[in-house]
mmCIF file of all heavy atoms, coordinates in Angstrom:
data_MODEL
# 
_entry.id   MODEL 
# 
loop_
_atom_site.group_PDB 
_atom_site.id 
_atom_site.type_symbol 
_atom_site.label_atom_id 
_atom_site.label_alt_id 
_atom_site.label_comp_id 
_atom_site.label_asym_id 
_atom_site.label_entity_id 
_atom_site.label_seq_id 
_atom_site.pdbx_PDB_ins_code 
_atom_site.Cartn_x 
_atom_site.Cartn_y 
_atom_site.Cartn_z 
_atom_site.occupancy 
_atom_site.B_iso_or_equiv 
_atom_site.pdbx_formal_charge 
_atom_site.auth_seq_id 
_atom_site.auth_comp_id 
_atom_site.auth_asym_id 
_atom_site.auth_atom_id 
_atom_site.pdbx_PDB_model_num 
ATOM 1   N N   . ILE A 1 1  ? 89.123 80.649 110.037 1.00 0.00 ? 1  ILE A N   1 
ATOM 2   C CA  . ILE A 1 1  ? 87.995 80.040 110.731 1.00 0.00 ? 1  ILE A CA  1 
ATOM 3   C C   . ILE A 1 1  ? 87.362 81.031 111.697 1.00 0.00 ? 1  ILE A C   1 
ATOM 4   O O   . ILE A 1 1  ? 86.132 81.085 111.794 1.00 0.00 ? 1  ILE A O   1 
ATOM 5   C CB  . ILE A 1 1  ? 88.512 78.752 111.499 1.00 0.00 ? 1  ILE A CB  1 
ATOM 6   C CG1 . ILE A 1 1  ? 88.964 77.676 110.525 1.00 0.00 ? 1  ILE A CG1 1 
ATOM 7   C CG2 . ILE A 1 1  ? 87.447 78.240 112.464 1.00 0.00 ? 1  ILE A CG2 1 
ATOM 8   C CD1 . ILE A 1 1  ? 89.662 76.533 111.146 1.00 0.00 ? 1  ILE A CD1 1 
ATOM 9   N N   . ALA A 1 2  ? 88.165 81.807 112.402 1.00 0.00 ? 2  ALA A N   1 
ATOM 10  C CA  . ALA A 1 2  ? 87.634 82.810 113.273 1.00 0.00 ? 2  ALA A CA  1 
ATOM 11  C C   . ALA A 1 2  ? 86.837 83.859 112.561 1.00 0.00 ? 2  ALA A C   1 
ATOM 12  O O   . ALA A 1 2  ? 85.764 84.248 112.975 1.00 0.00 ? 2  ALA A O   1 
ATOM 13  C CB  . ALA A 1 2  ? 88.793 83.537 114.039 1.00 0.00 ? 2  ALA A CB  1 
ATOM 14  N N   . ALA A 1 3  ? 87.292 84.245 111.324 1.00 0.00 ? 3  ALA A N   1 
ATOM 15  C CA  . ALA A 1 3  ? 86.529 85.189 110.510 1.00 0.00 ? 3  ALA A CA  1 
ATOM 16  C C   . ALA A 1 3  ? 85.200 84.607 110.081 1.00 0.00 ? 3  ALA A C   1 
ATOM 17  O O   . ALA A 1 3  ? 84.195 85.340 110.074 1.00 0.00 ? 3  ALA A O   1 
ATOM 18  C CB  . ALA A 1 3  ? 87.396 85.653 109.324 1.00 0.00 ? 3  ALA A CB  1 
ATOM 19  N N   . VAL A 1 4  ? 85.216 83.356 109.741 1.00 0.00 ? 4  VAL A N   1 
ATOM 20  C CA  . VAL A 1 4  ? 84.038 82.677 109.298 1.00 0.00 ? 4  VAL A CA  1 
ATOM 21  C C   . VAL A 1 4  ? 83.009 82.602 110.466 1.00 0.00 ? 4  VAL A C   1 
ATOM 22  O O   . VAL A 1 4  ? 81.818 82.888 110.285 1.00 0.00 ? 4  VAL A O   1 
ATOM 23  C CB  . VAL A 1 4  ? 84.241 81.326 108.719 1.00 0.00 ? 4  VAL A CB  1 
ATOM 24  C CG1 . VAL A 1 4  ? 82.975 80.513 108.538 1.00 0.00 ? 4  VAL A CG1 1 
ATOM 25  C CG2 . VAL A 1 4  ? 85.052 81.415 107.387 1.00 0.00 ? 4  VAL A CG2 1 
ATOM 26  N N   . VAL A 1 5  ? 83.495 82.252 111.664 1.00 0.00 ? 5  VAL A N   1 
ATOM 27  C CA  . VAL A 1 5  ? 82.587 82.180 112.782 1.00 0.00 ? 5  VAL A CA  1 
ATOM 28  C C   . VAL A 1 5  ? 82.073 83.594 113.118 1.00 0.00 ? 5  VAL A C   1 
ATOM 29  O O   . VAL A 1 5  ? 80.830 83.715 113.400 1.00 0.00 ? 5  VAL A O   1 
ATOM 30  C CB  . VAL A 1 5  ? 83.372 81.644 114.025 1.00 0.00 ? 5  VAL A CB  1 
ATOM 31  C CG1 . VAL A 1 5  ? 82.558 81.816 115.297 1.00 0.00 ? 5  VAL A CG1 1 
ATOM 32  C CG2 . VAL A 1 5  ? 83.667 80.211 113.792 1.00 0.00 ? 5  VAL A CG2 1 
ATOM 33  N N   . TRP A 1 6  ? 82.886 84.637 113.098 1.00 0.00 ? 6  TRP A N   1 
ATOM 34  C CA  . TRP A 1 6  ? 82.451 86.000 113.325 1.00 0.00 ? 6  TRP A CA  1 
ATOM 35  C C   . TRP A 1 6  ? 81.350 86.346 112.356 1.00 0.00 ? 6  TRP A C   1 
ATOM 36  O O   . TRP A 1 6  ? 80.316 86.980 112.800 1.00 0.00 ? 6  TRP A O   1 
ATOM 37  C CB  . TRP A 1 6  ? 83.619 86.927 113.261 1.00 0.00 ? 6  TRP A CB  1 
ATOM 38  C CG  . TRP A 1 6  ? 83.238 88.347 113.448 1.00 0.00 ? 6  TRP A CG  1 
ATOM 39  C CD1 . TRP A 1 6  ? 83.112 89.307 112.520 1.00 0.00 ? 6  TRP A CD1 1 
ATOM 40  C CD2 . TRP A 1 6  ? 82.899 89.012 114.654 1.00 0.00 ? 6  TRP A CD2 1 
ATOM 41  N NE1 . TRP A 1 6  ? 82.782 90.503 113.013 1.00 0.00 ? 6  TRP A NE1 1 
ATOM 42  C CE2 . TRP A 1 6  ? 82.569 90.341 114.365 1.00 0.00 ? 6  TRP A CE2 1 
ATOM 43  C CE3 . TRP A 1 6  ? 82.823 88.570 115.982 1.00 0.00 ? 6  TRP A CE3 1 
ATOM 44  C CZ2 . TRP A 1 6  ? 82.229 91.267 115.336 1.00 0.00 ? 6  TRP A CZ2 1 
ATOM 45  C CZ3 . TRP A 1 6  ? 82.429 89.545 116.956 1.00 0.00 ? 6  TRP A CZ3 1 
ATOM 46  C CH2 . TRP A 1 6  ? 82.156 90.842 116.627 1.00 0.00 ? 6  TRP A CH2 1 
ATOM 47  N N   . GLU A 1 7  ? 81.599 86.203 111.033 1.00 0.00 ? 7  GLU A N   1 
ATOM 48  C CA  . GLU A 1 7  ? 80.621 86.562 110.036 1.00 0.00 ? 7  GLU A CA  1 
ATOM 49  C C   . GLU A 1 7  ? 79.339 85.753 110.156 1.00 0.00 ? 7  GLU A C   1 
ATOM 50  O O   . GLU A 1 7  ? 78.234 86.285 110.002 1.00 0.00 ? 7  GLU A O   1 
ATOM 51  C CB  . GLU A 1 7  ? 81.243 86.416 108.625 1.00 0.00 ? 7  GLU A CB  1 
ATOM 52  C CG  . GLU A 1 7  ? 82.286 87.503 108.366 1.00 0.00 ? 7  GLU A CG  1 
ATOM 53  C CD  . GLU A 1 7  ? 81.741 88.886 108.360 1.00 0.00 ? 7  GLU A CD  1 
ATOM 54  O OE1 . GLU A 1 7  ? 80.598 89.137 107.948 1.00 0.00 ? 7  GLU A OE1 1 
ATOM 55  O OE2 . GLU A 1 7  ? 82.432 89.736 108.894 1.00 0.00 ? 7  GLU A OE2 1 
ATOM 56  N N   . GLY A 1 8  ? 79.499 84.485 110.442 1.00 0.00 ? 8  GLY A N   1 
ATOM 57  C CA  . GLY A 1 8  ? 78.281 83.636 110.619 1.00 0.00 ? 8  GLY A CA  1 
ATOM 58  C C   . GLY A 1 8  ? 77.446 84.081 111.797 1.00 0.00 ? 8  GLY A C   1 
ATOM 59  O O   . GLY A 1 8  ? 76.252 84.123 111.686 1.00 0.00 ? 8  GLY A O   1 
ATOM 60  N N   . ALA A 1 9  ? 78.091 84.397 112.881 1.00 0.00 ? 9  ALA A N   1 
ATOM 61  C CA  . ALA A 1 9  ? 77.336 84.945 114.019 1.00 0.00 ? 9  ALA A CA  1 
ATOM 62  C C   . ALA A 1 9  ? 76.655 86.253 113.747 1.00 0.00 ? 9  ALA A C   1 
ATOM 63  O O   . ALA A 1 9  ? 75.486 86.523 114.155 1.00 0.00 ? 9  ALA A O   1 
ATOM 64  C CB  . ALA A 1 9  ? 78.273 85.098 115.246 1.00 0.00 ? 9  ALA A CB  1 
ATOM 65  N N   . THR A 1 10 ? 77.379 87.131 113.002 1.00 0.00 ? 10 THR A N   1 
ATOM 66  C CA  . THR A 1 10 ? 76.787 88.409 112.643 1.00 0.00 ? 10 THR A CA  1 
ATOM 67  C C   . THR A 1 10 ? 75.597 88.219 111.717 1.00 0.00 ? 10 THR A C   1 
ATOM 68  O O   . THR A 1 10 ? 74.508 88.863 111.934 1.00 0.00 ? 10 THR A O   1 
ATOM 69  C CB  . THR A 1 10 ? 77.824 89.321 111.920 1.00 0.00 ? 10 THR A CB  1 
ATOM 70  O OG1 . THR A 1 10 ? 78.913 89.524 112.807 1.00 0.00 ? 10 THR A OG1 1 
ATOM 71  C CG2 . THR A 1 10 ? 77.241 90.647 111.558 1.00 0.00 ? 10 THR A CG2 1 
ATOM 72  N N   . VAL A 1 11 ? 75.692 87.413 110.735 1.00 0.00 ? 11 VAL A N   1 
ATOM 73  C CA  . VAL A 1 11 ? 74.548 87.087 109.888 1.00 0.00 ? 11 VAL A CA  1 
ATOM 74  C C   . VAL A 1 11 ? 73.369 86.512 110.579 1.00 0.00 ? 11 VAL A C   1 
ATOM 75  O O   . VAL A 1 11 ? 72.246 86.868 110.341 1.00 0.00 ? 11 VAL A O   1 
ATOM 76  C CB  . VAL A 1 11 ? 75.018 86.193 108.638 1.00 0.00 ? 11 VAL A CB  1 
ATOM 77  C CG1 . VAL A 1 11 ? 73.836 85.663 107.897 1.00 0.00 ? 11 VAL A CG1 1 
ATOM 78  C CG2 . VAL A 1 11 ? 75.996 86.947 107.771 1.00 0.00 ? 11 VAL A CG2 1 
ATOM 79  N N   . TYR A 1 12 ? 73.659 85.632 111.490 1.00 0.00 ? 12 TYR A N   1 
ATOM 80  C CA  . TYR A 1 12 ? 72.569 84.984 112.310 1.00 0.00 ? 12 TYR A CA  1 
ATOM 81  C C   . TYR A 1 12 ? 71.876 86.007 113.093 1.00 0.00 ? 12 TYR A C   1 
ATOM 82  O O   . TYR A 1 12 ? 70.631 86.099 113.176 1.00 0.00 ? 12 TYR A O   1 
ATOM 83  C CB  . TYR A 1 12 ? 73.119 83.861 113.157 1.00 0.00 ? 12 TYR A CB  1 
ATOM 84  C CG  . TYR A 1 12 ? 72.087 83.290 114.078 1.00 0.00 ? 12 TYR A CG  1 
ATOM 85  C CD1 . TYR A 1 12 ? 71.138 82.437 113.615 1.00 0.00 ? 12 TYR A CD1 1 
ATOM 86  C CD2 . TYR A 1 12 ? 72.048 83.706 115.390 1.00 0.00 ? 12 TYR A CD2 1 
ATOM 87  C CE1 . TYR A 1 12 ? 70.111 81.960 114.415 1.00 0.00 ? 12 TYR A CE1 1 
ATOM 88  C CE2 . TYR A 1 12 ? 71.093 83.166 116.261 1.00 0.00 ? 12 TYR A CE2 1 
ATOM 89  C CZ  . TYR A 1 12 ? 70.096 82.300 115.779 1.00 0.00 ? 12 TYR A CZ  1 
ATOM 90  O OH  . TYR A 1 12 ? 69.123 81.817 116.566 1.00 0.00 ? 12 TYR A OH  1 
ATOM 91  N N   . MET A 1 13 ? 72.671 86.921 113.806 1.00 0.00 ? 13 MET A N   1 
ATOM 92  C CA  . MET A 1 13 ? 72.004 87.915 114.644 1.00 0.00 ? 13 MET A CA  1 
ATOM 93  C C   . MET A 1 13 ? 71.165 88.924 113.861 1.00 0.00 ? 13 MET A C   1 
ATOM 94  O O   . MET A 1 13 ? 70.073 89.243 114.295 1.00 0.00 ? 13 MET A O   1 
ATOM 95  C CB  . MET A 1 13 ? 73.136 88.674 115.413 1.00 0.00 ? 13 MET A CB  1 
ATOM 96  C CG  . MET A 1 13 ? 73.812 87.857 116.497 1.00 0.00 ? 13 MET A CG  1 
ATOM 97  S SD  . MET A 1 13 ? 75.052 88.859 117.272 1.00 0.00 ? 13 MET A SD  1 
ATOM 98  C CE  . MET A 1 13 ? 76.170 87.621 117.881 1.00 0.00 ? 13 MET A CE  1 
ATOM 99  N N   . GLU A 1 14 ? 71.711 89.274 112.676 1.00 0.00 ? 14 GLU A N   1 
ATOM 100 C CA  . GLU A 1 14 ? 70.963 90.199 111.858 1.00 0.00 ? 14 GLU A CA  1 
ATOM 101 C C   . GLU A 1 14 ? 69.693 89.575 111.335 1.00 0.00 ? 14 GLU A C   1 
ATOM 102 O O   . GLU A 1 14 ? 68.622 90.159 111.260 1.00 0.00 ? 14 GLU A O   1 
ATOM 103 C CB  . GLU A 1 14 ? 71.775 90.718 110.732 1.00 0.00 ? 14 GLU A CB  1 
ATOM 104 C CG  . GLU A 1 14 ? 72.869 91.701 111.189 1.00 0.00 ? 14 GLU A CG  1 
ATOM 105 C CD  . GLU A 1 14 ? 73.763 92.128 110.032 1.00 0.00 ? 14 GLU A CD  1 
ATOM 106 O OE1 . GLU A 1 14 ? 73.625 91.700 108.892 1.00 0.00 ? 14 GLU A OE1 1 
ATOM 107 O OE2 . GLU A 1 14 ? 74.755 92.830 110.359 1.00 0.00 ? 14 GLU A OE2 1 
ATOM 108 N N   . GLY A 1 15 ? 69.786 88.263 110.934 1.00 0.00 ? 15 GLY A N   1 
ATOM 109 C CA  . GLY A 1 15 ? 68.623 87.526 110.547 1.00 0.00 ? 15 GLY A CA  1 
ATOM 110 C C   . GLY A 1 15 ? 67.572 87.447 111.566 1.00 0.00 ? 15 GLY A C   1 
ATOM 111 O O   . GLY A 1 15 ? 66.403 87.553 111.382 1.00 0.00 ? 15 GLY A O   1 
ATOM 112 N N   . TYR A 1 16 ? 68.066 87.181 112.820 1.00 0.00 ? 16 TYR A N   1 
ATOM 113 C CA  . TYR A 1 16 ? 67.125 87.077 113.989 1.00 0.00 ? 16 TYR A CA  1 
ATOM 114 C C   . TYR A 1 16 ? 66.434 88.423 114.197 1.00 0.00 ? 16 TYR A C   1 
ATOM 115 O O   . TYR A 1 16 ? 65.215 88.437 114.427 1.00 0.00 ? 16 TYR A O   1 
ATOM 116 C CB  . TYR A 1 16 ? 67.893 86.675 115.205 1.00 0.00 ? 16 TYR A CB  1 
ATOM 117 C CG  . TYR A 1 16 ? 67.031 86.609 116.424 1.00 0.00 ? 16 TYR A CG  1 
ATOM 118 C CD1 . TYR A 1 16 ? 66.206 85.514 116.657 1.00 0.00 ? 16 TYR A CD1 1 
ATOM 119 C CD2 . TYR A 1 16 ? 67.002 87.633 117.381 1.00 0.00 ? 16 TYR A CD2 1 
ATOM 120 C CE1 . TYR A 1 16 ? 65.339 85.382 117.751 1.00 0.00 ? 16 TYR A CE1 1 
ATOM 121 C CE2 . TYR A 1 16 ? 66.164 87.561 118.497 1.00 0.00 ? 16 TYR A CE2 1 
ATOM 122 C CZ  . TYR A 1 16 ? 65.362 86.418 118.669 1.00 0.00 ? 16 TYR A CZ  1 
ATOM 123 O OH  . TYR A 1 16 ? 64.561 86.301 119.756 1.00 0.00 ? 16 TYR A OH  1 
ATOM 124 N N   . LEU A 1 17 ? 67.132 89.484 114.069 1.00 0.00 ? 17 LEU A N   1 
ATOM 125 C CA  . LEU A 1 17 ? 66.537 90.813 114.242 1.00 0.00 ? 17 LEU A CA  1 
ATOM 126 C C   . LEU A 1 17 ? 65.508 91.080 113.130 1.00 0.00 ? 17 LEU A C   1 
ATOM 127 O O   . LEU A 1 17 ? 64.451 91.622 113.412 1.00 0.00 ? 17 LEU A O   1 
ATOM 128 C CB  . LEU A 1 17 ? 67.595 91.898 114.208 1.00 0.00 ? 17 LEU A CB  1 
ATOM 129 C CG  . LEU A 1 17 ? 68.480 92.035 115.420 1.00 0.00 ? 17 LEU A CG  1 
ATOM 130 C CD1 . LEU A 1 17 ? 69.575 93.100 115.201 1.00 0.00 ? 17 LEU A CD1 1 
ATOM 131 C CD2 . LEU A 1 17 ? 67.675 92.398 116.671 1.00 0.00 ? 17 LEU A CD2 1 
ATOM 132 N N   . MET A 1 18 ? 65.788 90.734 111.950 1.00 0.00 ? 18 MET A N   1 
ATOM 133 C CA  . MET A 1 18 ? 64.811 90.893 110.825 1.00 0.00 ? 18 MET A CA  1 
ATOM 134 C C   . MET A 1 18 ? 63.561 90.040 111.061 1.00 0.00 ? 18 MET A C   1 
ATOM 135 O O   . MET A 1 18 ? 62.441 90.525 110.806 1.00 0.00 ? 18 MET A O   1 
ATOM 136 C CB  . MET A 1 18 ? 65.439 90.499 109.516 1.00 0.00 ? 18 MET A CB  1 
ATOM 137 C CG  . MET A 1 18 ? 66.493 91.446 109.105 1.00 0.00 ? 18 MET A CG  1 
ATOM 138 S SD  . MET A 1 18 ? 65.849 93.120 108.884 1.00 0.00 ? 18 MET A SD  1 
ATOM 139 C CE  . MET A 1 18 ? 66.960 93.738 107.721 1.00 0.00 ? 18 MET A CE  1 
ATOM 140 N N   . ARG A 1 19 ? 63.713 88.831 111.489 1.00 0.00 ? 19 ARG A N   1 
ATOM 141 C CA  . ARG A 1 19 ? 62.580 87.938 111.753 1.00 0.00 ? 19 ARG A CA  1 
ATOM 142 C C   . ARG A 1 19 ? 61.711 88.539 112.888 1.00 0.00 ? 19 ARG A C   1 
ATOM 143 O O   . ARG A 1 19 ? 60.528 88.474 112.882 1.00 0.00 ? 19 ARG A O   1 
ATOM 144 C CB  . ARG A 1 19 ? 62.990 86.500 112.039 1.00 0.00 ? 19 ARG A CB  1 
ATOM 145 C CG  . ARG A 1 19 ? 63.497 85.766 110.840 1.00 0.00 ? 19 ARG A CG  1 
ATOM 146 C CD  . ARG A 1 19 ? 63.697 84.282 111.174 1.00 0.00 ? 19 ARG A CD  1 
ATOM 147 N NE  . ARG A 1 19 ? 64.514 84.028 112.365 1.00 0.00 ? 19 ARG A NE  1 
ATOM 148 C CZ  . ARG A 1 19 ? 65.833 83.913 112.347 1.00 0.00 ? 19 ARG A CZ  1 
ATOM 149 N NH1 . ARG A 1 19 ? 66.462 83.987 111.233 1.00 0.00 ? 19 ARG A NH1 1 
ATOM 150 N NH2 . ARG A 1 19 ? 66.516 83.686 113.424 1.00 0.00 ? 19 ARG A NH2 1 
ATOM 151 N N   . THR A 1 20 ? 62.384 88.964 113.943 1.00 0.00 ? 20 THR A N   1 
ATOM 152 C CA  . THR A 1 20 ? 61.707 89.499 115.059 1.00 0.00 ? 20 THR A CA  1 
ATOM 153 C C   . THR A 1 20 ? 61.089 90.858 114.787 1.00 0.00 ? 20 THR A C   1 
ATOM 154 O O   . THR A 1 20 ? 59.966 91.200 115.305 1.00 0.00 ? 20 THR A O   1 
ATOM 155 C CB  . THR A 1 20 ? 62.691 89.683 116.254 1.00 0.00 ? 20 THR A CB  1 
ATOM 156 O OG1 . THR A 1 20 ? 63.332 88.440 116.440 1.00 0.00 ? 20 THR A OG1 1 
ATOM 157 C CG2 . THR A 1 20 ? 61.939 90.063 117.523 1.00 0.00 ? 20 THR A CG2 1 
ATOM 158 N N   . ALA A 1 21 ? 61.678 91.650 113.897 1.00 0.00 ? 21 ALA A N   1 
ATOM 159 C CA  . ALA A 1 21 ? 61.127 92.960 113.553 1.00 0.00 ? 21 ALA A CA  1 
ATOM 160 C C   . ALA A 1 21 ? 59.800 92.820 112.769 1.00 0.00 ? 21 ALA A C   1 
ATOM 161 O O   . ALA A 1 21 ? 58.944 93.729 112.812 1.00 0.00 ? 21 ALA A O   1 
ATOM 162 C CB  . ALA A 1 21 ? 62.088 93.753 112.714 1.00 0.00 ? 21 ALA A CB  1 
ATOM 163 N N   . ALA A 1 22 ? 59.623 91.738 112.065 1.00 0.00 ? 22 ALA A N   1 
ATOM 164 C CA  . ALA A 1 22 ? 58.428 91.470 111.312 1.00 0.00 ? 22 ALA A CA  1 
ATOM 165 C C   . ALA A 1 22 ? 57.207 91.230 112.254 1.00 0.00 ? 22 ALA A C   1 
ATOM 166 O O   . ALA A 1 22 ? 56.070 91.554 111.830 1.00 0.00 ? 22 ALA A O   1 
ATOM 167 C CB  . ALA A 1 22 ? 58.568 90.307 110.394 1.00 0.00 ? 22 ALA A CB  1 
ATOM 168 N N   . ASP A 1 23 ? 57.486 90.858 113.427 1.00 0.00 ? 23 ASP A N   1 
ATOM 169 C CA  . ASP A 1 23 ? 56.392 90.571 114.403 1.00 0.00 ? 23 ASP A CA  1 
ATOM 170 C C   . ASP A 1 23 ? 56.157 91.868 115.248 1.00 0.00 ? 23 ASP A C   1 
ATOM 171 O O   . ASP A 1 23 ? 56.988 92.302 116.037 1.00 0.00 ? 23 ASP A O   1 
ATOM 172 C CB  . ASP A 1 23 ? 56.825 89.399 115.385 1.00 0.00 ? 23 ASP A CB  1 
ATOM 173 C CG  . ASP A 1 23 ? 55.722 88.999 116.351 1.00 0.00 ? 23 ASP A CG  1 
ATOM 174 O OD1 . ASP A 1 23 ? 54.586 89.485 116.134 1.00 0.00 ? 23 ASP A OD1 1 
ATOM 175 O OD2 . ASP A 1 23 ? 56.002 88.308 117.276 1.00 0.00 ? 23 ASP A OD2 1 
ATOM 176 N N   . LYS A 1 24 ? 54.996 92.440 115.039 1.00 0.00 ? 24 LYS A N   1 
ATOM 177 C CA  . LYS A 1 24 ? 54.673 93.743 115.703 1.00 0.00 ? 24 LYS A CA  1 
ATOM 178 C C   . LYS A 1 24 ? 54.494 93.536 117.227 1.00 0.00 ? 24 LYS A C   1 
ATOM 179 O O   . LYS A 1 24 ? 54.680 94.534 117.915 1.00 0.00 ? 24 LYS A O   1 
ATOM 180 C CB  . LYS A 1 24 ? 53.387 94.325 115.115 1.00 0.00 ? 24 LYS A CB  1 
ATOM 181 C CG  . LYS A 1 24 ? 53.505 94.588 113.640 1.00 0.00 ? 24 LYS A CG  1 
ATOM 182 C CD  . LYS A 1 24 ? 54.498 95.666 113.364 1.00 0.00 ? 24 LYS A CD  1 
ATOM 183 C CE  . LYS A 1 24 ? 54.521 95.941 111.875 1.00 0.00 ? 24 LYS A CE  1 
ATOM 184 N NZ  . LYS A 1 24 ? 55.618 96.798 111.437 1.00 0.00 ? 24 LYS A NZ  1 
ATOM 185 N N   . GLU A 1 25 ? 54.134 92.402 117.671 1.00 0.00 ? 25 GLU A N   1 
ATOM 186 C CA  . GLU A 1 25 ? 53.905 92.201 119.111 1.00 0.00 ? 25 GLU A CA  1 
ATOM 187 C C   . GLU A 1 25 ? 55.185 92.056 119.904 1.00 0.00 ? 25 GLU A C   1 
ATOM 188 O O   . GLU A 1 25 ? 55.140 92.068 121.129 1.00 0.00 ? 25 GLU A O   1 
ATOM 189 C CB  . GLU A 1 25 ? 53.023 90.985 119.331 1.00 0.00 ? 25 GLU A CB  1 
ATOM 190 C CG  . GLU A 1 25 ? 51.661 91.051 118.699 1.00 0.00 ? 25 GLU A CG  1 
ATOM 191 C CD  . GLU A 1 25 ? 50.910 89.755 118.769 1.00 0.00 ? 25 GLU A CD  1 
ATOM 192 O OE1 . GLU A 1 25 ? 51.459 88.739 119.270 1.00 0.00 ? 25 GLU A OE1 1 
ATOM 193 O OE2 . GLU A 1 25 ? 49.744 89.740 118.350 1.00 0.00 ? 25 GLU A OE2 1 
ATOM 194 N N   . ALA A 1 26 ? 56.309 91.927 119.196 1.00 0.00 ? 26 ALA A N   1 
ATOM 195 C CA  . ALA A 1 26 ? 57.579 91.714 119.923 1.00 0.00 ? 26 ALA A CA  1 
ATOM 196 C C   . ALA A 1 26 ? 58.414 92.958 120.054 1.00 0.00 ? 26 ALA A C   1 
ATOM 197 O O   . ALA A 1 26 ? 59.658 92.863 120.134 1.00 0.00 ? 26 ALA A O   1 
ATOM 198 C CB  . ALA A 1 26 ? 58.350 90.643 119.105 1.00 0.00 ? 26 ALA A CB  1 
ATOM 199 N N   . ALA A 1 27 ? 57.800 94.110 120.162 1.00 0.00 ? 27 ALA A N   1 
ATOM 200 C CA  . ALA A 1 27 ? 58.557 95.380 120.268 1.00 0.00 ? 27 ALA A CA  1 
ATOM 201 C C   . ALA A 1 27 ? 59.395 95.428 121.552 1.00 0.00 ? 27 ALA A C   1 
ATOM 202 O O   . ALA A 1 27 ? 60.543 95.875 121.464 1.00 0.00 ? 27 ALA A O   1 
ATOM 203 C CB  . ALA A 1 27 ? 57.595 96.550 120.153 1.00 0.00 ? 27 ALA A CB  1 
# 
């Protein structure tokens, strides 16, 4: 369960970075 939570948080954070990186105004 701890590994699943860790990986889920990592995937969410990386996804957030990708979504934010697409927005040029959010540098």
